[in-house]
Structure formats: structure tokens, C-alpha cells
Protein backbone atom coordinates (compact mmCIF):
# COMPACT_ATOMS: atom_id res chain seq x y z
CA MET A 1 26.94 28.86 1.20
CA LYS A 2 27.69 26.34 -1.54
CA ARG A 3 30.16 24.59 0.74
CA LEU A 4 27.55 24.21 3.44
CA LEU A 5 25.13 22.67 0.95
CA LEU A 6 27.78 20.30 -0.36
CA VAL A 7 28.81 19.22 3.13
CA SER A 8 25.21 18.60 4.15
CA VAL A 9 24.61 16.41 1.08
CA PHE A 10 27.63 14.28 1.94
CA ALA A 11 26.52 14.07 5.56
CA LEU A 12 23.08 12.82 4.54
CA THR A 13 24.61 10.29 2.18
CA ALA A 14 26.70 8.90 5.03
CA CYS A 15 23.52 8.32 7.06
CA GLN A 16 22.05 5.91 4.52
CA THR A 17 22.07 2.21 5.27
CA ALA A 18 23.39 -0.33 2.81
CA GLY A 19 20.90 -2.59 1.06
CA THR A 20 17.14 -2.59 0.96
CA PRO A 21 15.05 -2.34 4.15
CA ASP A 22 14.29 -6.06 3.97
CA GLN A 23 17.99 -6.88 3.82
CA VAL A 24 18.74 -4.63 6.77
CA THR A 25 15.95 -5.86 9.07
CA GLY A 26 15.97 -9.45 7.89
CA SER A 27 12.18 -9.47 7.51
CA PRO A 28 10.85 -11.44 4.56
CA GLY A 29 8.94 -8.51 3.01
CA PRO A 30 6.36 -8.82 0.24
CA ALA A 31 6.60 -11.40 -2.50
CA VAL A 32 8.77 -10.35 -5.42
CA ALA A 33 6.72 -9.61 -8.51
CA ASP A 34 8.13 -10.35 -11.93
CA ARG A 35 8.98 -7.62 -14.42
CA ASP A 36 6.06 -8.31 -16.76
CA GLN A 37 3.52 -8.16 -13.94
CA PRO A 38 4.92 -6.03 -11.12
CA CYS A 39 1.57 -6.17 -9.30
CA ALA A 40 1.67 -10.01 -9.18
CA ALA A 41 -1.58 -10.42 -11.14
CA ALA A 42 -0.62 -14.00 -12.03
CA GLU A 43 -1.07 -14.98 -8.37
CA PHE A 44 -4.75 -14.05 -8.60
CA GLU A 45 -5.60 -15.43 -12.07
CA HIS A 46 -7.33 -18.39 -10.41
CA LEU A 47 -10.14 -15.98 -9.38
CA VAL A 48 -11.23 -15.34 -12.98
CA GLY A 49 -14.67 -16.86 -13.47
CA SER A 50 -15.40 -17.13 -9.76
CA SER A 51 -18.07 -15.17 -7.92
CA GLY A 52 -17.06 -11.62 -7.05
CA ASP A 53 -19.46 -11.42 -4.10
CA GLY A 54 -16.99 -12.63 -1.49
CA ILE A 55 -14.06 -10.61 -2.79
CA SER A 56 -12.81 -7.79 -0.58
CA ALA A 57 -9.80 -5.50 -0.86
CA SER A 58 -8.23 -7.14 2.20
CA LEU A 59 -7.52 -10.27 0.10
CA PHE A 60 -5.21 -8.31 -2.19
CA PRO A 61 -2.08 -6.15 -1.93
CA PRO A 62 -2.56 -2.55 -0.75
CA GLY A 63 -3.74 -0.24 -3.52
CA THR A 64 -5.73 -2.89 -5.38
CA ARG A 65 -8.83 -1.66 -7.22
CA ILE A 66 -11.94 -3.82 -7.36
CA LEU A 67 -13.85 -2.48 -10.36
CA LYS A 68 -17.55 -3.20 -10.62
CA PRO A 69 -19.87 -2.31 -13.53
CA GLY A 70 -20.62 1.39 -13.72
CA MET A 71 -17.87 2.43 -11.31
CA VAL A 72 -15.81 5.47 -12.14
CA MET A 73 -12.07 4.84 -12.30
CA THR A 74 -9.02 6.92 -13.08
CA MET A 75 -7.22 6.21 -16.31
CA ASP A 76 -3.71 6.68 -14.91
CA TYR A 77 -1.37 3.75 -15.36
CA ARG A 78 0.43 2.34 -12.35
CA GLY A 79 2.30 -0.86 -13.07
CA ASP A 80 2.34 -1.85 -9.42
CA ARG A 81 -1.44 -1.61 -8.99
CA LEU A 82 -3.62 -4.72 -9.23
CA ASN A 83 -7.05 -4.33 -10.85
CA VAL A 84 -9.81 -6.88 -10.34
CA VAL A 85 -12.73 -6.43 -12.75
CA ILE A 86 -16.17 -7.74 -11.80
CA ASP A 87 -18.57 -8.25 -14.74
CA GLY A 88 -22.31 -7.55 -14.94
CA GLU A 89 -23.15 -11.02 -13.65
CA GLY A 90 -21.05 -10.55 -10.50
CA ASN A 91 -18.15 -12.79 -11.56
CA VAL A 92 -14.48 -11.91 -11.74
CA ASP A 93 -13.88 -11.10 -15.41
CA ARG A 94 -10.25 -10.01 -15.42
CA VAL A 95 -7.22 -9.51 -13.17
CA TYR A 96 -4.47 -7.24 -14.47
CA CYS A 97 -1.81 -4.66 -13.63
CA GLY A 98 -2.39 -1.02 -14.38
């Protein structure tokens, strides 16, 4: 039984492709985020101070949270998640990873 398990693990390992999916397919893939801000918050810093009325989730990477006053949010930390905070006046107050 242990041999069968060991052989199947090696067989599955042999099926893997080399490199990342983007390297294999040649597609450009998403922009590379830096280590300090894996969600690429720096790309959206220009929104701070602007009106939050026209902001929709489709403008941001998948999984982005747009947080408005009084909204309930989870306190879990995800370094790859972008958070856009709208203040009480309807302006973008902060853009950060977490």
C-alpha cells in the first residue's frame, strides 16, 4: 500500500509543468506587486482625496474591498487584498493592503 502511494506521488509530480502559468502560456498576467505592498496599493494612491462616488469594484483588482462609513468588515489580514476607505464626506480617505 505504501508503495502505491509513493508511486502515485511521483507520477503526479511528473505531470507538473515547469515555471509559472504565465511563463508556460506566454500571457502577460497581472502586474507584479512589490513585497511591501503585494496588493499594489501604490498604483491607486492618486485616488486619495478624490470623490468616492464614481468608484466601483471593477476599477480594482479582484477581491478589493471598498469600505464606506458604518460598513461591517472582517478583521482578517490578507496582504494581497486592496482596501479603499471612503470617509464620511464621500471622499477616498485611504488606500492600503490588508
